């Protein structure tokens, strides 16, 4: 069976709003008239949704078992995704907030020492 066409930008926006409102995945297809799998693919990876992505090529011997060959390619791909996601999150933090956190660090260290390594509030 073929995949359903990608969600339109308007449908993607509707799914985002429904997701933020707390609607369950099985309720969204009824609202949009689209398949649950089409919505699930969008919700699981909103950043890369609709982009055809080619997994990196490996130089493994062609006689290795397919599962092992495939898993190594997927692992490499996931590491690249993780690095990009971490960089994007760090870039989103304003420099002033980072400077403020660094300036408060001595006070936090003192609180941790006073509580013998126990929990402290993050202020």
PDB file of N, CA and C in Angstrom:
ATOM      1  N   UNK A   1       0.846  -1.171   0.000  1.00  0.00           N
ATOM      2  CA  UNK A   1       0.000   0.000   0.000  1.00  0.00           C
ATOM      3  C   UNK A   1       0.898   1.242   0.000  1.00  0.00           C
ATOM      4  N   UNK A   2       0.545   2.233  -0.798  1.00  0.00           N
ATOM      5  CA  UNK A   2       1.337   3.454  -0.932  1.00  0.00           C
ATOM      6  C   UNK A   2       1.099   4.381   0.250  1.00  0.00           C
ATOM      7  N   UNK A   3       2.079   5.213   0.485  1.00  0.00           N
ATOM      8  CA  UNK A   3       1.947   6.209   1.546  1.00  0.00           C
ATOM      9  C   UNK A   3       1.002   7.314   1.126  1.00  0.00           C
ATOM     10  N   UNK A   4       0.359   7.894   2.096  1.00  0.00           N
ATOM     11  CA  UNK A   4      -0.502   9.051   1.831  1.00  0.00           C
ATOM     12  C   UNK A   4       0.384  10.250   1.517  1.00  0.00           C
ATOM     13  N   UNK A   5      -0.118  11.215   0.736  1.00  0.00           N
ATOM     14  CA  UNK A   5       0.694  12.405   0.461  1.00  0.00           C
ATOM     15  C   UNK A   5       1.000  13.159   1.758  1.00  0.00           C
ATOM     16  N   UNK A   6       2.057  13.952   1.705  1.00  0.00           N
ATOM     17  CA  UNK A   6       2.459  14.711   2.885  1.00  0.00           C
ATOM     18  C   UNK A   6       1.353  15.683   3.288  1.00  0.00           C
ATOM     19  N   UNK A   7       1.348  16.033   4.567  1.00  0.00           N
ATOM     20  CA  UNK A   7       0.395  17.028   5.067  1.00  0.00           C
ATOM     21  C   UNK A   7       0.744  18.388   4.475  1.00  0.00           C
ATOM     22  N   UNK A   8      -0.273  19.163   4.159  1.00  0.00           N
ATOM     23  CA  UNK A   8      -0.040  20.521   3.660  1.00  0.00           C
ATOM     24  C   UNK A   8       0.410  21.398   4.828  1.00  0.00           C
ATOM     25  N   UNK A   9       1.015  22.556   4.555  1.00  0.00           N
ATOM     26  CA  UNK A   9       1.409  23.449   5.652  1.00  0.00           C
ATOM     27  C   UNK A   9       0.235  23.827   6.559  1.00  0.00           C
ATOM     28  N   UNK A  10      -0.947  23.999   5.985  1.00  0.00           N
ATOM     29  CA  UNK A  10      -2.118  24.331   6.808  1.00  0.00           C
ATOM     30  C   UNK A  10      -2.473  23.154   7.723  1.00  0.00           C
ATOM     31  N   UNK A  11      -2.406  21.929   7.182  1.00  0.00           N
ATOM     32  CA  UNK A  11      -2.691  20.755   8.001  1.00  0.00           C
ATOM     33  C   UNK A  11      -1.640  20.584   9.090  1.00  0.00           C
ATOM     34  N   UNK A  12      -0.378  20.881   8.755  1.00  0.00           N
ATOM     35  CA  UNK A  12       0.696  20.791   9.749  1.00  0.00           C
ATOM     36  C   UNK A  12       0.427  21.778  10.890  1.00  0.00           C
ATOM     37  N   UNK A  13       0.005  22.982  10.553  1.00  0.00           N
ATOM     38  CA  UNK A  13      -0.295  23.990  11.580  1.00  0.00           C
ATOM     39  C   UNK A  13      -1.454  23.518  12.457  1.00  0.00           C
ATOM     40  N   UNK A  14      -2.468  22.912  11.836  1.00  0.00           N
ATOM     41  CA  UNK A  14      -3.597  22.388  12.607  1.00  0.00           C
ATOM     42  C   UNK A  14      -3.150  21.289  13.555  1.00  0.00           C
ATOM     43  N   UNK A  15      -2.274  20.403  13.079  1.00  0.00           N
ATOM     44  CA  UNK A  15      -1.772  19.316  13.930  1.00  0.00           C
ATOM     45  C   UNK A  15      -0.982  19.909  15.096  1.00  0.00           C
ATOM     46  N   UNK A  16      -0.160  20.930  14.827  1.00  0.00           N
ATOM     47  CA  UNK A  16       0.610  21.572  15.902  1.00  0.00           C
ATOM     48  C   UNK A  16      -0.311  22.133  16.978  1.00  0.00           C
ATOM     49  N   UNK A  17      -1.371  22.815  16.554  1.00  0.00           N
ATOM     50  CA  UNK A  17      -2.307  23.408  17.512  1.00  0.00           C
ATOM     51  C   UNK A  17      -3.011  22.315  18.302  1.00  0.00           C
ATOM     52  N   UNK A  18      -3.476  21.264  17.605  1.00  0.00           N
ATOM     53  CA  UNK A  18      -4.159  20.171  18.293  1.00  0.00           C
ATOM     54  C   UNK A  18      -3.236  19.483  19.287  1.00  0.00           C
ATOM     55  N   UNK A  19      -1.970  19.329  18.898  1.00  0.00           N
ATOM     56  CA  UNK A  19      -0.987  18.692  19.785  1.00  0.00           C
ATOM     57  C   UNK A  19      -0.779  19.542  21.034  1.00  0.00           C
ATOM     58  N   UNK A  20      -0.677  20.866  20.852  1.00  0.00           N
ATOM     59  CA  UNK A  20      -0.492  21.760  21.997  1.00  0.00           C
ATOM     60  C   UNK A  20      -1.717  21.783  22.895  1.00  0.00           C
ATOM     61  N   UNK A  21      -2.891  21.579  22.311  1.00  0.00           N
ATOM     62  CA  UNK A  21      -4.120  21.541  23.104  1.00  0.00           C
ATOM     63  C   UNK A  21      -4.305  20.212  23.817  1.00  0.00           C
ATOM     64  N   UNK A  22      -3.445  19.237  23.512  1.00  0.00           N
ATOM     65  CA  UNK A  22      -3.489  17.968  24.210  1.00  0.00           C
ATOM     66  C   UNK A  22      -4.364  16.904  23.561  1.00  0.00           C
ATOM     67  N   UNK A  23      -4.782  17.104  22.316  1.00  0.00           N
ATOM     68  CA  UNK A  23      -5.569  16.082  21.645  1.00  0.00           C
ATOM     69  C   UNK A  23      -4.718  14.842  21.415  1.00  0.00           C
ATOM     70  N   UNK A  24      -5.321  13.696  21.540  1.00  0.00           N
ATOM     71  CA  UNK A  24      -4.626  12.427  21.326  1.00  0.00           C
ATOM     72  C   UNK A  24      -4.468  12.180  19.832  1.00  0.00           C
ATOM     73  N   UNK A  25      -3.484  11.350  19.499  1.00  0.00           N
ATOM     74  CA  UNK A  25      -3.182  11.061  18.100  1.00  0.00           C
ATOM     75  C   UNK A  25      -4.384  10.466  17.379  1.00  0.00           C
ATOM     76  N   UNK A  26      -5.152   9.617  18.046  1.00  0.00           N
ATOM     77  CA  UNK A  26      -6.279   8.985  17.367  1.00  0.00           C
ATOM     78  C   UNK A  26      -7.458   9.938  17.141  1.00  0.00           C
ATOM     79  N   UNK A  27      -7.448  11.113  17.785  1.00  0.00           N
ATOM     80  CA  UNK A  27      -8.518  12.085  17.583  1.00  0.00           C
ATOM     81  C   UNK A  27      -8.226  13.030  16.416  1.00  0.00           C
ATOM     82  N   UNK A  28      -6.950  13.255  16.117  1.00  0.00           N
ATOM     83  CA  UNK A  28      -6.566  14.213  15.081  1.00  0.00           C
ATOM     84  C   UNK A  28      -7.010  13.801  13.675  1.00  0.00           C
ATOM     85  N   UNK A  29      -6.891  12.532  13.283  1.00  0.00           N
ATOM     86  CA  UNK A  29      -7.312  12.173  11.920  1.00  0.00           C
ATOM     87  C   UNK A  29      -8.786  12.464  11.654  1.00  0.00           C
ATOM     88  N   UNK A  30      -9.625  12.303  12.652  1.00  0.00           N
ATOM     89  CA  UNK A  30     -11.053  12.596  12.477  1.00  0.00           C
ATOM     90  C   UNK A  30     -11.269  14.071  12.172  1.00  0.00           C
ATOM     91  N   UNK A  31     -10.486  14.929  12.821  1.00  0.00           N
ATOM     92  CA  UNK A  31     -10.625  16.375  12.616  1.00  0.00           C
ATOM     93  C   UNK A  31     -10.141  16.795  11.224  1.00  0.00           C
ATOM     94  N   UNK A  32      -9.028  16.163  10.768  1.00  0.00           N
ATOM     95  CA  UNK A  32      -8.408  16.579   9.516  1.00  0.00           C
ATOM     96  C   UNK A  32      -8.834  15.751   8.308  1.00  0.00           C
ATOM     97  N   UNK A  33      -9.366  14.567   8.558  1.00  0.00           N
ATOM     98  CA  UNK A  33      -9.704  13.687   7.448  1.00  0.00           C
ATOM     99  C   UNK A  33      -8.478  13.072   6.802  1.00  0.00           C
ATOM    100  N   UNK A  34      -7.416  12.893   7.577  1.00  0.00           N
ATOM    101  CA  UNK A  34      -6.176  12.281   7.087  1.00  0.00           C
ATOM    102  C   UNK A  34      -5.892  11.022   7.895  1.00  0.00           C
ATOM    103  N   UNK A  35      -4.980  10.182   7.396  1.00  0.00           N
ATOM    104  CA  UNK A  35      -4.683   8.934   8.089  1.00  0.00           C
ATOM    105  C   UNK A  35      -3.874   9.201   9.357  1.00  0.00           C
ATOM    106  N   UNK A  36      -4.011   8.288  10.313  1.00  0.00           N
ATOM    107  CA  UNK A  36      -3.270   8.413  11.562  1.00  0.00           C
ATOM    108  C   UNK A  36      -1.771   8.303  11.299  1.00  0.00           C
ATOM    109  N   UNK A  37      -1.367   7.455  10.335  1.00  0.00           N
ATOM    110  CA  UNK A  37       0.058   7.307  10.037  1.00  0.00           C
ATOM    111  C   UNK A  37       0.651   8.584   9.455  1.00  0.00           C
ATOM    112  N   UNK A  38      -0.091   9.284   8.606  1.00  0.00           N
ATOM    113  CA  UNK A  38       0.417  10.539   8.042  1.00  0.00           C
ATOM    114  C   UNK A  38       0.644  11.555   9.159  1.00  0.00           C
ATOM    115  N   UNK A  39      -0.276  11.608  10.102  1.00  0.00           N
ATOM    116  CA  UNK A  39      -0.140  12.546  11.222  1.00  0.00           C
ATOM    117  C   UNK A  39       0.975  12.102  12.155  1.00  0.00           C
ATOM    118  N   UNK A  40       1.089  10.793  12.409  1.00  0.00           N
ATOM    119  CA  UNK A  40       2.142  10.278  13.282  1.00  0.00           C
ATOM    120  C   UNK A  40       3.531  10.598  12.713  1.00  0.00           C
ATOM    121  N   UNK A  41       3.711  10.439  11.390  1.00  0.00           N
ATOM    122  CA  UNK A  41       5.014  10.749  10.785  1.00  0.00           C
ATOM    123  C   UNK A  41       5.363  12.216  10.997  1.00  0.00           C
ATOM    124  N   UNK A  42       4.374  13.104  10.909  1.00  0.00           N
ATOM    125  CA  UNK A  42       4.642  14.523  11.122  1.00  0.00           C
ATOM    126  C   UNK A  42       4.958  14.815  12.591  1.00  0.00           C
ATOM    127  N   UNK A  43       4.160  14.275  13.509  1.00  0.00           N
ATOM    128  CA  UNK A  43       4.342  14.554  14.937  1.00  0.00           C
ATOM    129  C   UNK A  43       5.671  14.013  15.434  1.00  0.00           C
ATOM    130  N   UNK A  44       6.096  12.855  14.940  1.00  0.00           N
ATOM    131  CA  UNK A  44       7.341  12.247  15.412  1.00  0.00           C
ATOM    132  C   UNK A  44       8.584  12.988  14.946  1.00  0.00           C
ATOM    133  N   UNK A  45       8.521  13.722  13.838  1.00  0.00           N
ATOM    134  CA  UNK A  45       9.702  14.421  13.337  1.00  0.00           C
ATOM    135  C   UNK A  45       9.273  15.667  12.568  1.00  0.00           C
ATOM    136  N   UNK A  46       8.833  16.686  13.287  1.00  0.00           N
ATOM    137  CA  UNK A  46       8.319  17.892  12.636  1.00  0.00           C
ATOM    138  C   UNK A  46       9.406  18.670  11.892  1.00  0.00           C
ATOM    139  N   UNK A  47      10.637  18.579  12.360  1.00  0.00           N
ATOM    140  CA  UNK A  47      11.718  19.349  11.730  1.00  0.00           C
ATOM    141  C   UNK A  47      12.042  18.811  10.347  1.00  0.00           C
ATOM    142  N   UNK A  48      12.177  17.493  10.217  1.00  0.00           N
ATOM    143  CA  UNK A  48      12.583  16.900   8.947  1.00  0.00           C
ATOM    144  C   UNK A  48      11.410  16.389   8.130  1.00  0.00           C
ATOM    145  N   UNK A  49      10.192  16.681   8.530  1.00  0.00           N
ATOM    146  CA  UNK A  49       9.019  16.161   7.833  1.00  0.00           C
ATOM    147  C   UNK A  49       8.984  16.666   6.395  1.00  0.00           C
ATOM    148  N   UNK A  50       8.787  15.761   5.461  1.00  0.00           N
ATOM    149  CA  UNK A  50       8.673  16.115   4.055  1.00  0.00           C
ATOM    150  C   UNK A  50       9.987  16.175   3.314  1.00  0.00           C
ATOM    151  N   UNK A  51      11.103  16.046   4.008  1.00  0.00           N
ATOM    152  CA  UNK A  51      12.405  16.043   3.355  1.00  0.00           C
ATOM    153  C   UNK A  51      12.821  14.607   3.097  1.00  0.00           C
ATOM    154  N   UNK A  52      13.173  14.319   1.869  1.00  0.00           N
ATOM    155  CA  UNK A  52      13.700  12.988   1.586  1.00  0.00           C
ATOM    156  C   UNK A  52      15.145  12.987   2.049  1.00  0.00           C
ATOM    157  N   UNK A  53      15.460  12.048   2.922  1.00  0.00           N
ATOM    158  CA  UNK A  53      16.800  12.002   3.473  1.00  0.00           C
ATOM    159  C   UNK A  53      17.452  10.690   3.094  1.00  0.00           C
ATOM    160  N   UNK A  54      18.639  10.795   2.583  1.00  0.00           N
ATOM    161  CA  UNK A  54      19.382   9.617   2.189  1.00  0.00           C
ATOM    162  C   UNK A  54      20.342   9.272   3.315  1.00  0.00           C
ATOM    163  N   UNK A  55      20.339   8.020   3.705  1.00  0.00           N
ATOM    164  CA  UNK A  55      21.258   7.597   4.754  1.00  0.00           C
ATOM    165  C   UNK A  55      22.681   7.614   4.217  1.00  0.00           C
ATOM    166  N   UNK A  56      23.664   7.911   5.061  1.00  0.00           N
ATOM    167  CA  UNK A  56      25.047   7.939   4.596  1.00  0.00           C
ATOM    168  C   UNK A  56      25.492   6.551   4.123  1.00  0.00           C
ATOM    169  N   UNK A  57      26.323   6.546   3.107  1.00  0.00           N
ATOM    170  CA  UNK A  57      26.855   5.290   2.578  1.00  0.00           C
ATOM    171  C   UNK A  57      27.930   4.762   3.515  1.00  0.00           C
ATOM    172  N   UNK A  58      28.025   3.450   3.605  1.00  0.00           N
ATOM    173  CA  UNK A  58      29.070   2.843   4.420  1.00  0.00           C
ATOM    174  C   UNK A  58      30.021   2.089   3.518  1.00  0.00           C
ATOM    175  N   UNK A  59      31.173   1.783   4.038  1.00  0.00           N
ATOM    176  CA  UNK A  59      32.169   1.053   3.254  1.00  0.00           C
ATOM    177  C   UNK A  59      32.281  -0.382   3.731  1.00  0.00           C
ATOM    178  N   UNK A  60      31.201  -0.916   4.293  1.00  0.00           N
ATOM    179  CA  UNK A  60      31.248  -2.278   4.803  1.00  0.00           C
ATOM    180  C   UNK A  60      31.223  -3.276   3.656  1.00  0.00           C
ATOM    181  N   UNK A  61      31.711  -4.441   3.958  1.00  0.00           N
ATOM    182  CA  UNK A  61      31.740  -5.519   2.980  1.00  0.00           C
ATOM    183  C   UNK A  61      30.307  -5.912   2.626  1.00  0.00           C
ATOM    184  N   UNK A  62      30.004  -6.131   1.339  1.00  0.00           N
ATOM    185  CA  UNK A  62      28.626  -6.418   0.940  1.00  0.00           C
ATOM    186  C   UNK A  62      28.099  -7.758   1.431  1.00  0.00           C
ATOM    187  N   UNK A  63      28.972  -8.651   1.918  1.00  0.00           N
ATOM    188  CA  UNK A  63      28.514  -9.962   2.373  1.00  0.00           C
ATOM    189  C   UNK A  63      28.149  -9.991   3.850  1.00  0.00           C
ATOM    190  N   UNK A  64      28.241  -8.846   4.537  1.00  0.00           N
ATOM    191  CA  UNK A  64      27.811  -8.806   5.929  1.00  0.00           C
ATOM    192  C   UNK A  64      26.292  -8.954   5.992  1.00  0.00           C
ATOM    193  N   UNK A  65      25.778  -9.451   7.097  1.00  0.00           N
ATOM    194  CA  UNK A  65      24.319  -9.556   7.225  1.00  0.00           C
ATOM    195  C   UNK A  65      23.652  -8.194   7.044  1.00  0.00           C
ATOM    196  N   UNK A  66      22.508  -8.189   6.414  1.00  0.00           N
ATOM    197  CA  UNK A  66      21.817  -6.938   6.086  1.00  0.00           C
ATOM    198  C   UNK A  66      21.473  -6.149   7.336  1.00  0.00           C
ATOM    199  N   UNK A  67      20.987  -6.807   8.378  1.00  0.00           N
ATOM    200  CA  UNK A  67      20.608  -6.110   9.599  1.00  0.00           C
ATOM    201  C   UNK A  67      21.770  -5.353  10.204  1.00  0.00           C
ATOM    202  N   UNK A  68      22.934  -5.992  10.268  1.00  0.00           N
ATOM    203  CA  UNK A  68      24.110  -5.334  10.841  1.00  0.00           C
ATOM    204  C   UNK A  68      24.522  -4.141   9.980  1.00  0.00           C
ATOM    205  N   UNK A  69      24.504  -4.323   8.676  1.00  0.00           N
ATOM    206  CA  UNK A  69      24.863  -3.257   7.745  1.00  0.00           C
ATOM    207  C   UNK A  69      23.900  -2.081   7.897  1.00  0.00           C
ATOM    208  N   UNK A  70      22.607  -2.372   7.937  1.00  0.00           N
ATOM    209  CA  UNK A  70      21.603  -1.325   8.041  1.00  0.00           C
ATOM    210  C   UNK A  70      21.702  -0.598   9.383  1.00  0.00           C
ATOM    211  N   UNK A  71      21.883  -1.340  10.472  1.00  0.00           N
ATOM    212  CA  UNK A  71      21.932  -0.722  11.798  1.00  0.00           C
ATOM    213  C   UNK A  71      23.094   0.238  11.940  1.00  0.00           C
ATOM    214  N   UNK A  72      24.240  -0.073  11.346  1.00  0.00           N
ATOM    215  CA  UNK A  72      25.385   0.833  11.460  1.00  0.00           C
ATOM    216  C   UNK A  72      25.099   2.134  10.720  1.00  0.00           C
ATOM    217  N   UNK A  73      24.419   2.057   9.585  1.00  0.00           N
ATOM    218  CA  UNK A  73      24.064   3.270   8.850  1.00  0.00           C
ATOM    219  C   UNK A  73      23.060   4.091   9.640  1.00  0.00           C
ATOM    220  N   UNK A  74      22.077   3.442  10.247  1.00  0.00           N
ATOM    221  CA  UNK A  74      21.080   4.161  11.025  1.00  0.00           C
ATOM    222  C   UNK A  74      21.697   4.825  12.250  1.00  0.00           C
ATOM    223  N   UNK A  75      22.632   4.127  12.911  1.00  0.00           N
ATOM    224  CA  UNK A  75      23.288   4.694  14.084  1.00  0.00           C
ATOM    225  C   UNK A  75      24.049   5.958  13.704  1.00  0.00           C
ATOM    226  N   UNK A  76      24.768   5.918  12.589  1.00  0.00           N
ATOM    227  CA  UNK A  76      25.517   7.090  12.133  1.00  0.00           C
ATOM    228  C   UNK A  76      24.558   8.246  11.837  1.00  0.00           C
ATOM    229  N   UNK A  77      23.427   7.948  11.212  1.00  0.00           N
ATOM    230  CA  UNK A  77      22.430   8.955  10.871  1.00  0.00           C
ATOM    231  C   UNK A  77      21.845   9.581  12.130  1.00  0.00           C
ATOM    232  N   UNK A  78      21.544   8.756  13.151  1.00  0.00           N
ATOM    233  CA  UNK A  78      20.983   9.273  14.396  1.00  0.00           C
ATOM    234  C   UNK A  78      21.968  10.187  15.104  1.00  0.00           C
ATOM    235  N   UNK A  79      23.262   9.843  15.056  1.00  0.00           N
ATOM    236  CA  UNK A  79      24.276  10.691  15.686  1.00  0.00           C
ATOM    237  C   UNK A  79      24.329  12.059  15.004  1.00  0.00           C
ATOM    238  N   UNK A  80      24.218  12.076  13.670  1.00  0.00           N
ATOM    239  CA  UNK A  80      24.224  13.348  12.952  1.00  0.00           C
ATOM    240  C   UNK A  80      23.002  14.181  13.333  1.00  0.00           C
ATOM    241  N   UNK A  81      21.825  13.533  13.447  1.00  0.00           N
ATOM    242  CA  UNK A  81      20.611  14.234  13.857  1.00  0.00           C
ATOM    243  C   UNK A  81      20.752  14.808  15.255  1.00  0.00           C
ATOM    244  N   UNK A  82      21.322  14.022  16.178  1.00  0.00           N
ATOM    245  CA  UNK A  82      21.478  14.462  17.558  1.00  0.00           C
ATOM    246  C   UNK A  82      22.392  15.677  17.638  1.00  0.00           C
ATOM    247  N   UNK A  83      23.498  15.645  16.904  1.00  0.00           N
ATOM    248  CA  UNK A  83      24.421  16.778  16.916  1.00  0.00           C
ATOM    249  C   UNK A  83      23.741  18.048  16.409  1.00  0.00           C
ATOM    250  N   UNK A  84      22.967  17.919  15.336  1.00  0.00           N
ATOM    251  CA  UNK A  84      22.266  19.074  14.785  1.00  0.00           C
ATOM    252  C   UNK A  84      21.213  19.614  15.747  1.00  0.00           C
ATOM    253  N   UNK A  85      20.494  18.699  16.403  1.00  0.00           N
ATOM    254  CA  UNK A  85      19.454  19.118  17.346  1.00  0.00           C
ATOM    255  C   UNK A  85      20.067  19.830  18.553  1.00  0.00           C
ATOM    256  N   UNK A  86      21.176  19.305  19.055  1.00  0.00           N
ATOM    257  CA  UNK A  86      21.841  19.937  20.205  1.00  0.00           C
ATOM    258  C   UNK A  86      22.353  21.322  19.822  1.00  0.00           C
ATOM    259  N   UNK A  87      22.961  21.439  18.647  1.00  0.00           N
ATOM    260  CA  UNK A  87      23.467  22.736  18.205  1.00  0.00           C
ATOM    261  C   UNK A  87      22.325  23.744  18.058  1.00  0.00           C
ATOM    262  N   UNK A  88      21.200  23.301  17.512  1.00  0.00           N
ATOM    263  CA  UNK A  88      20.061  24.199  17.342  1.00  0.00           C
ATOM    264  C   UNK A  88      19.528  24.679  18.694  1.00  0.00           C
ATOM    265  N   UNK A  89      19.477  23.785  19.679  1.00  0.00           N
ATOM    266  CA  UNK A  89      18.994  24.171  21.008  1.00  0.00           C
ATOM    267  C   UNK A  89      19.962  25.158  21.669  1.00  0.00           C
ATOM    268  N   UNK A  90      21.261  24.915  21.554  1.00  0.00           N
ATOM    269  CA  UNK A  90      22.236  25.834  22.153  1.00  0.00           C
ATOM    270  C   UNK A  90      22.176  27.198  21.476  1.00  0.00           C
ATOM    271  N   UNK A  91      22.015  27.213  20.153  1.00  0.00           N
ATOM    272  CA  UNK A  91      21.953  28.485  19.432  1.00  0.00           C
ATOM    273  C   UNK A  91      20.723  29.298  19.818  1.00  0.00           C
ATOM    274  N   UNK A  92      19.674  28.627  20.296  1.00  0.00           N
ATOM    275  CA  UNK A  92      18.432  29.321  20.652  1.00  0.00           C
ATOM    276  C   UNK A  92      18.525  30.020  22.013  1.00  0.00           C
ATOM    277  N   UNK A  93      19.524  29.689  22.830  1.00  0.00           N
ATOM    278  CA  UNK A  93      19.648  30.305  24.158  1.00  0.00           C
ATOM    279  C   UNK A  93      20.339  31.659  24.008  1.00  0.00           C
ATOM    280  N   UNK A  94      19.714  32.736  24.486  1.00  0.00           N
ATOM    281  CA  UNK A  94      20.325  34.067  24.371  1.00  0.00           C
ATOM    282  C   UNK A  94      21.632  34.150  25.170  1.00  0.00           C
ATOM    283  N   UNK A  95      22.568  34.919  24.650  1.00  0.00           N
ATOM    284  CA  UNK A  95      23.874  35.064  25.295  1.00  0.00           C
ATOM    285  C   UNK A  95      23.742  35.688  26.686  1.00  0.00           C
ATOM    286  N   UNK A  96      22.794  36.579  26.862  1.00  0.00           N
ATOM    287  CA  UNK A  96      22.608  37.214  28.172  1.00  0.00           C
ATOM    288  C   UNK A  96      22.199  36.188  29.227  1.00  0.00           C
ATOM    289  N   UNK A  97      21.370  35.214  28.842  1.00  0.00           N
ATOM    290  CA  UNK A  97      20.956  34.182  29.787  1.00  0.00           C
ATOM    291  C   UNK A  97      22.143  33.309  30.196  1.00  0.00           C
ATOM    292  N   UNK A  98      22.994  32.986  29.235  1.00  0.00           N
ATOM    293  CA  UNK A  98      24.182  32.180  29.557  1.00  0.00           C
ATOM    294  C   UNK A  98      25.117  32.936  30.500  1.00  0.00           C
ATOM    295  N   UNK A  99      25.316  34.231  30.243  1.00  0.00           N
ATOM    296  CA  UNK A  99      26.177  35.036  31.111  1.00  0.00           C
ATOM    297  C   UNK A  99      25.608  35.113  32.525  1.00  0.00           C
ATOM    298  N   UNK A 100      24.266  35.220  32.622  1.00  0.00           N
ATOM    299  CA  UNK A 100      23.624  35.280  33.931  1.00  0.00           C
ATOM    300  C   UNK A 100      23.833  33.960  34.684  1.00  0.00           C
ATOM    301  N   UNK A 101      23.696  32.832  33.993  1.00  0.00           N
ATOM    302  CA  UNK A 101      23.888  31.538  34.645  1.00  0.00           C
ATOM    303  C   UNK A 101      25.327  31.362  35.134  1.00  0.00           C
ATOM    304  N   UNK A 102      26.279  31.798  34.324  1.00  0.00           N
ATOM    305  CA  UNK A 102      27.683  31.699  34.727  1.00  0.00           C
ATOM    306  C   UNK A 102      27.959  32.597  35.933  1.00  0.00           C
ATOM    307  N   UNK A 103      27.366  33.792  35.950  1.00  0.00           N
ATOM    308  CA  UNK A 103      27.571  34.717  37.070  1.00  0.00           C
ATOM    309  C   UNK A 103      27.002  34.153  38.369  1.00  0.00           C
ATOM    310  N   UNK A 104      25.937  33.372  38.301  1.00  0.00           N
ATOM    311  CA  UNK A 104      25.314  32.796  39.497  1.00  0.00           C
ATOM    312  C   UNK A 104      25.968  31.489  39.953  1.00  0.00           C
ATOM    313  N   UNK A 105      26.883  30.972  39.174  1.00  0.00           N
ATOM    314  CA  UNK A 105      27.479  29.672  39.485  1.00  0.00           C
ATOM    315  C   UNK A 105      28.139  29.611  40.871  1.00  0.00           C
ATOM    316  N   UNK A 106      28.911  30.613  41.306  1.00  0.00           N
ATOM    317  CA  UNK A 106      29.519  30.507  42.639  1.00  0.00           C
ATOM    318  C   UNK A 106      28.483  30.333  43.752  1.00  0.00           C
ATOM    319  N   UNK A 107      27.361  31.044  43.644  1.00  0.00           N
ATOM    320  CA  UNK A 107      26.315  30.896  44.662  1.00  0.00           C
ATOM    321  C   UNK A 107      25.719  29.496  44.647  1.00  0.00           C
ATOM    322  N   UNK A 108      25.553  28.929  43.454  1.00  0.00           N
ATOM    323  CA  UNK A 108      25.009  27.571  43.360  1.00  0.00           C
ATOM    324  C   UNK A 108      25.957  26.558  43.975  1.00  0.00           C
ATOM    325  N   UNK A 109      27.245  26.736  43.735  1.00  0.00           N
ATOM    326  CA  UNK A 109      28.236  25.803  44.292  1.00  0.00           C
ATOM    327  C   UNK A 109      28.192  25.860  45.819  1.00  0.00           C
ATOM    328  N   UNK A 110      28.084  27.058  46.378  1.00  0.00           N
ATOM    329  CA  UNK A 110      28.008  27.213  47.839  1.00  0.00           C
ATOM    330  C   UNK A 110      26.771  26.498  48.382  1.00  0.00           C
ATOM    331  N   UNK A 111      25.616  26.648  47.714  1.00  0.00           N
ATOM    332  CA  UNK A 111      24.387  25.978  48.164  1.00  0.00           C
ATOM    333  C   UNK A 111      24.521  24.461  48.123  1.00  0.00           C
ATOM    334  N   UNK A 112      25.160  23.944  47.092  1.00  0.00           N
ATOM    335  CA  UNK A 112      25.348  22.491  46.986  1.00  0.00           C
ATOM    336  C   UNK A 112      26.245  21.998  48.114  1.00  0.00           C
ATOM    337  N   UNK A 113      27.311  22.758  48.420  1.00  0.00           N
ATOM    338  CA  UNK A 113      28.225  22.371  49.512  1.00  0.00           C
ATOM    339  C   UNK A 113      27.473  22.405  50.846  1.00  0.00           C
ATOM    340  N   UNK A 114      26.642  23.433  51.063  1.00  0.00           N
ATOM    341  CA  UNK A 114      25.887  23.532  52.306  1.00  0.00           C
ATOM    342  C   UNK A 114      24.900  22.381  52.472  1.00  0.00           C
ATOM    343  N   UNK A 115      24.384  21.864  51.380  1.00  0.00           N
ATOM    344  CA  UNK A 115      23.421  20.755  51.447  1.00  0.00           C
ATOM    345  C   UNK A 115      24.098  19.400  51.248  1.00  0.00           C
ATOM    346  N   UNK A 116      25.415  19.375  51.346  1.00  0.00           N
ATOM    347  CA  UNK A 116      26.206  18.147  51.192  1.00  0.00           C
ATOM    348  C   UNK A 116      25.860  17.404  49.897  1.00  0.00           C
ATOM    349  N   UNK A 117      25.769  18.166  48.803  1.00  0.00           N
ATOM    350  CA  UNK A 117      25.480  17.568  47.506  1.00  0.00           C
ATOM    351  C   UNK A 117      24.017  17.301  47.256  1.00  0.00           C
ATOM    352  N   UNK A 118      23.145  17.695  48.169  1.00  0.00           N
ATOM    353  CA  UNK A 118      21.703  17.465  48.003  1.00  0.00           C
ATOM    354  C   UNK A 118      21.067  18.415  47.008  1.00  0.00           C
ATOM    355  N   UNK A 119      19.769  18.306  46.887  1.00  0.00           N
ATOM    356  CA  UNK A 119      19.017  19.142  45.937  1.00  0.00           C
ATOM    357  C   UNK A 119      19.014  20.596  46.368  1.00  0.00           C
ATOM    358  N   UNK A 120      19.099  21.473  45.375  1.00  0.00           N
ATOM    359  CA  UNK A 120      18.972  22.915  45.602  1.00  0.00           C
ATOM    360  C   UNK A 120      17.987  23.459  44.587  1.00  0.00           C
ATOM    361  N   UNK A 121      17.455  24.662  44.843  1.00  0.00           N
ATOM    362  CA  UNK A 121      16.589  25.258  43.830  1.00  0.00           C
ATOM    363  C   UNK A 121      17.455  25.912  42.770  1.00  0.00           C
ATOM    364  N   UNK A 122      16.880  26.144  41.617  1.00  0.00           N
ATOM    365  CA  UNK A 122      17.640  26.618  40.449  1.00  0.00           C
ATOM    366  C   UNK A 122      17.391  28.100  40.229  1.00  0.00           C
ATOM    367  N   UNK A 123      17.751  28.921  41.238  1.00  0.00           N
ATOM    368  CA  UNK A 123      17.547  30.359  41.102  1.00  0.00           C
ATOM    369  C   UNK A 123      18.812  31.112  41.385  1.00  0.00           C
TER     370      UNK A 123
END
